[in-house]
Amino acid sequence: MTSSFANWLFDQVDREDEVGDLAREFEDDEGFPDDGDRAVYEAYFDEFDVDTQAVFERAWEEFELGDAEDLGYAGLDEDDSVE
Protein backbone atom coordinates (compact mmCIF):
# COMPACT_ATOMS: atom_id res chain seq x y z
CA MET A 1 0.00 0.00 0.00
CA THR A 2 1.24 3.48 -0.88
CA SER A 3 1.83 5.56 2.23
CA SER A 4 0.31 8.83 1.02
CA PHE A 5 -1.58 10.40 -1.83
CA ALA A 6 1.51 12.45 -2.72
CA ASN A 7 3.65 9.31 -3.03
CA TRP A 8 0.97 7.60 -5.09
CA LEU A 9 0.48 10.64 -7.35
CA PHE A 10 4.17 11.09 -8.04
CA ASP A 11 4.42 7.39 -8.92
CA GLN A 12 2.05 8.26 -11.80
CA VAL A 13 4.42 10.65 -13.65
CA ASP A 14 4.97 8.22 -16.52
CA ARG A 15 1.27 7.91 -17.31
CA GLU A 16 0.12 9.44 -20.58
CA ASP A 17 -3.18 10.78 -19.29
CA GLU A 18 -4.51 13.64 -17.19
CA VAL A 19 -3.44 12.01 -13.92
CA GLY A 20 0.12 11.77 -15.26
CA ASP A 21 -0.11 15.42 -16.30
CA LEU A 22 -1.22 16.34 -12.79
CA ALA A 23 1.67 14.40 -11.27
CA ARG A 24 4.22 16.11 -13.52
CA GLU A 25 2.72 19.54 -12.87
CA PHE A 26 3.00 19.27 -9.09
CA GLU A 27 6.01 16.96 -8.72
CA ASP A 28 8.43 19.81 -7.99
CA ASP A 29 5.95 22.04 -6.14
CA GLU A 30 7.46 22.60 -2.69
CA GLY A 31 4.04 23.64 -1.37
CA PHE A 32 2.39 20.34 -2.29
CA PRO A 33 1.31 18.49 0.88
CA ASP A 34 3.47 15.46 1.66
CA ASP A 35 0.61 13.72 3.43
CA GLY A 36 -2.85 14.26 4.82
CA ASP A 37 -6.40 13.19 4.32
CA ARG A 38 -8.67 14.14 1.45
CA ALA A 39 -9.59 17.46 3.10
CA VAL A 40 -5.93 18.55 3.09
CA TYR A 41 -5.63 17.95 -0.65
CA GLU A 42 -9.06 19.43 -1.41
CA ALA A 43 -8.00 22.62 0.37
CA TYR A 44 -4.75 22.66 -1.62
CA PHE A 45 -6.47 22.15 -4.99
CA ASP A 46 -9.21 24.64 -4.12
CA GLU A 47 -6.76 27.34 -5.23
CA PHE A 48 -6.69 25.94 -8.78
CA ASP A 49 -9.15 25.97 -11.69
CA VAL A 50 -12.08 23.57 -11.88
CA ASP A 51 -10.36 21.39 -14.49
CA THR A 52 -7.40 20.79 -12.17
CA GLN A 53 -9.79 20.10 -9.31
CA ALA A 54 -11.64 17.54 -11.46
CA VAL A 55 -8.40 15.73 -12.27
CA PHE A 56 -7.52 15.72 -8.57
CA GLU A 57 -10.91 14.13 -7.83
CA ARG A 58 -10.26 11.42 -10.40
CA ALA A 59 -6.77 10.82 -9.05
CA TRP A 60 -8.03 10.62 -5.47
CA GLU A 61 -10.67 8.06 -6.48
CA GLU A 62 -7.97 5.94 -8.13
CA PHE A 63 -5.76 6.32 -5.05
CA GLU A 64 -8.59 5.15 -2.77
CA LEU A 65 -9.44 2.27 -5.09
CA GLY A 66 -5.81 1.19 -5.06
CA ASP A 67 -5.86 1.14 -1.25
CA ALA A 68 -9.06 -0.93 -1.28
CA GLU A 69 -7.51 -3.40 -3.72
CA ASP A 70 -4.36 -3.60 -1.59
CA LEU A 71 -6.51 -4.43 1.42
CA GLY A 72 -8.55 -7.03 -0.45
CA TYR A 73 -11.84 -5.11 -0.50
CA ALA A 74 -12.19 -4.33 -4.20
CA GLY A 75 -14.88 -6.14 -6.11
CA LEU A 76 -16.84 -7.30 -3.08
CA ASP A 77 -20.60 -7.42 -3.27
CA GLU A 78 -22.80 -6.32 -0.39
CA ASP A 79 -23.17 -9.94 0.74
CA ASP A 80 -19.43 -10.68 0.57
CA SER A 81 -17.18 -10.36 3.58
CA VAL A 82 -13.47 -10.22 4.12
CA GLU A 83 -12.10 -12.88 6.41
C-alpha atoms as a PDB file:
ATOM      1  CA  MET A   1       0.000   0.000   0.000  1.00  0.00           C
ATOM      2  CA  THR A   2       1.243   3.476  -0.876  1.00  0.00           C
ATOM      3  CA  SER A   3       1.832   5.565   2.230  1.00  0.00           C
ATOM      4  CA  SER A   4       0.308   8.828   1.018  1.00  0.00           C
ATOM      5  CA  PHE A   5      -1.581  10.403  -1.831  1.00  0.00           C
ATOM      6  CA  ALA A   6       1.510  12.451  -2.723  1.00  0.00           C
ATOM      7  CA  ASN A   7       3.652   9.313  -3.033  1.00  0.00           C
ATOM      8  CA  TRP A   8       0.972   7.602  -5.090  1.00  0.00           C
ATOM      9  CA  LEU A   9       0.484  10.639  -7.347  1.00  0.00           C
ATOM     10  CA  PHE A  10       4.169  11.087  -8.043  1.00  0.00           C
ATOM     11  CA  ASP A  11       4.419   7.394  -8.919  1.00  0.00           C
ATOM     12  CA  GLN A  12       2.054   8.260 -11.805  1.00  0.00           C
ATOM     13  CA  VAL A  13       4.419  10.653 -13.648  1.00  0.00           C
ATOM     14  CA  ASP A  14       4.974   8.221 -16.520  1.00  0.00           C
ATOM     15  CA  ARG A  15       1.274   7.907 -17.306  1.00  0.00           C
ATOM     16  CA  GLU A  16       0.124   9.435 -20.580  1.00  0.00           C
ATOM     17  CA  ASP A  17      -3.180  10.781 -19.291  1.00  0.00           C
ATOM     18  CA  GLU A  18      -4.507  13.645 -17.194  1.00  0.00           C
ATOM     19  CA  VAL A  19      -3.437  12.008 -13.917  1.00  0.00           C
ATOM     20  CA  GLY A  20       0.118  11.771 -15.258  1.00  0.00           C
ATOM     21  CA  ASP A  21      -0.106  15.417 -16.304  1.00  0.00           C
ATOM     22  CA  LEU A  22      -1.216  16.342 -12.787  1.00  0.00           C
ATOM     23  CA  ALA A  23       1.674  14.397 -11.271  1.00  0.00           C
ATOM     24  CA  ARG A  24       4.219  16.110 -13.524  1.00  0.00           C
ATOM     25  CA  GLU A  25       2.721  19.542 -12.874  1.00  0.00           C
ATOM     26  CA  PHE A  26       3.003  19.267  -9.090  1.00  0.00           C
ATOM     27  CA  GLU A  27       6.011  16.957  -8.721  1.00  0.00           C
ATOM     28  CA  ASP A  28       8.430  19.813  -7.988  1.00  0.00           C
ATOM     29  CA  ASP A  29       5.949  22.042  -6.136  1.00  0.00           C
ATOM     30  CA  GLU A  30       7.458  22.604  -2.686  1.00  0.00           C
ATOM     31  CA  GLY A  31       4.040  23.643  -1.369  1.00  0.00           C
ATOM     32  CA  PHE A  32       2.390  20.344  -2.295  1.00  0.00           C
ATOM     33  CA  PRO A  33       1.311  18.493   0.882  1.00  0.00           C
ATOM     34  CA  ASP A  34       3.467  15.459   1.656  1.00  0.00           C
ATOM     35  CA  ASP A  35       0.610  13.723   3.426  1.00  0.00           C
ATOM     36  CA  GLY A  36      -2.846  14.261   4.825  1.00  0.00           C
ATOM     37  CA  ASP A  37      -6.401  13.191   4.315  1.00  0.00           C
ATOM     38  CA  ARG A  38      -8.673  14.145   1.447  1.00  0.00           C
ATOM     39  CA  ALA A  39      -9.589  17.464   3.100  1.00  0.00           C
ATOM     40  CA  VAL A  40      -5.932  18.550   3.088  1.00  0.00           C
ATOM     41  CA  TYR A  41      -5.631  17.953  -0.649  1.00  0.00           C
ATOM     42  CA  GLU A  42      -9.060  19.431  -1.414  1.00  0.00           C
ATOM     43  CA  ALA A  43      -8.000  22.618   0.371  1.00  0.00           C
ATOM     44  CA  TYR A  44      -4.752  22.661  -1.621  1.00  0.00           C
ATOM     45  CA  PHE A  45      -6.467  22.145  -4.995  1.00  0.00           C
ATOM     46  CA  ASP A  46      -9.206  24.643  -4.117  1.00  0.00           C
ATOM     47  CA  GLU A  47      -6.757  27.344  -5.229  1.00  0.00           C
ATOM     48  CA  PHE A  48      -6.694  25.944  -8.783  1.00  0.00           C
ATOM     49  CA  ASP A  49      -9.149  25.974 -11.687  1.00  0.00           C
ATOM     50  CA  VAL A  50     -12.082  23.573 -11.883  1.00  0.00           C
ATOM     51  CA  ASP A  51     -10.363  21.390 -14.486  1.00  0.00           C
ATOM     52  CA  THR A  52      -7.400  20.786 -12.173  1.00  0.00           C
ATOM     53  CA  GLN A  53      -9.793  20.103  -9.313  1.00  0.00           C
ATOM     54  CA  ALA A  54     -11.637  17.541 -11.457  1.00  0.00           C
ATOM     55  CA  VAL A  55      -8.396  15.730 -12.271  1.00  0.00           C
ATOM     56  CA  PHE A  56      -7.525  15.717  -8.575  1.00  0.00           C
ATOM     57  CA  GLU A  57     -10.914  14.131  -7.829  1.00  0.00           C
ATOM     58  CA  ARG A  58     -10.263  11.416 -10.404  1.00  0.00           C
ATOM     59  CA  ALA A  59      -6.767  10.816  -9.053  1.00  0.00           C
ATOM     60  CA  TRP A  60      -8.030  10.615  -5.465  1.00  0.00           C
ATOM     61  CA  GLU A  61     -10.671   8.060  -6.478  1.00  0.00           C
ATOM     62  CA  GLU A  62      -7.969   5.936  -8.134  1.00  0.00           C
ATOM     63  CA  PHE A  63      -5.760   6.318  -5.048  1.00  0.00           C
ATOM     64  CA  GLU A  64      -8.586   5.148  -2.767  1.00  0.00           C
ATOM     65  CA  LEU A  65      -9.440   2.274  -5.085  1.00  0.00           C
ATOM     66  CA  GLY A  66      -5.807   1.188  -5.059  1.00  0.00           C
ATOM     67  CA  ASP A  67      -5.860   1.136  -1.255  1.00  0.00           C
ATOM     68  CA  ALA A  68      -9.060  -0.926  -1.280  1.00  0.00           C
ATOM     69  CA  GLU A  69      -7.507  -3.401  -3.716  1.00  0.00           C
ATOM     70  CA  ASP A  70      -4.360  -3.598  -1.595  1.00  0.00           C
ATOM     71  CA  LEU A  71      -6.507  -4.431   1.424  1.00  0.00           C
ATOM     72  CA  GLY A  72      -8.551  -7.027  -0.449  1.00  0.00           C
ATOM     73  CA  TYR A  73     -11.843  -5.109  -0.499  1.00  0.00           C
ATOM     74  CA  ALA A  74     -12.187  -4.332  -4.205  1.00  0.00           C
ATOM     75  CA  GLY A  75     -14.884  -6.142  -6.114  1.00  0.00           C
ATOM     76  CA  LEU A  76     -16.844  -7.302  -3.082  1.00  0.00           C
ATOM     77  CA  ASP A  77     -20.602  -7.425  -3.274  1.00  0.00           C
ATOM     78  CA  GLU A  78     -22.797  -6.315  -0.394  1.00  0.00           C
ATOM     79  CA  ASP A  79     -23.167  -9.941   0.745  1.00  0.00           C
ATOM     80  CA  ASP A  80     -19.431 -10.682   0.567  1.00  0.00           C
ATOM     81  CA  SER A  81     -17.179 -10.356   3.576  1.00  0.00           C
ATOM     82  CA  VAL A  82     -13.468 -10.216   4.124  1.00  0.00           C
ATOM     83  CA  GLU A  83     -12.102 -12.884   6.413  1.00  0.00           C
END
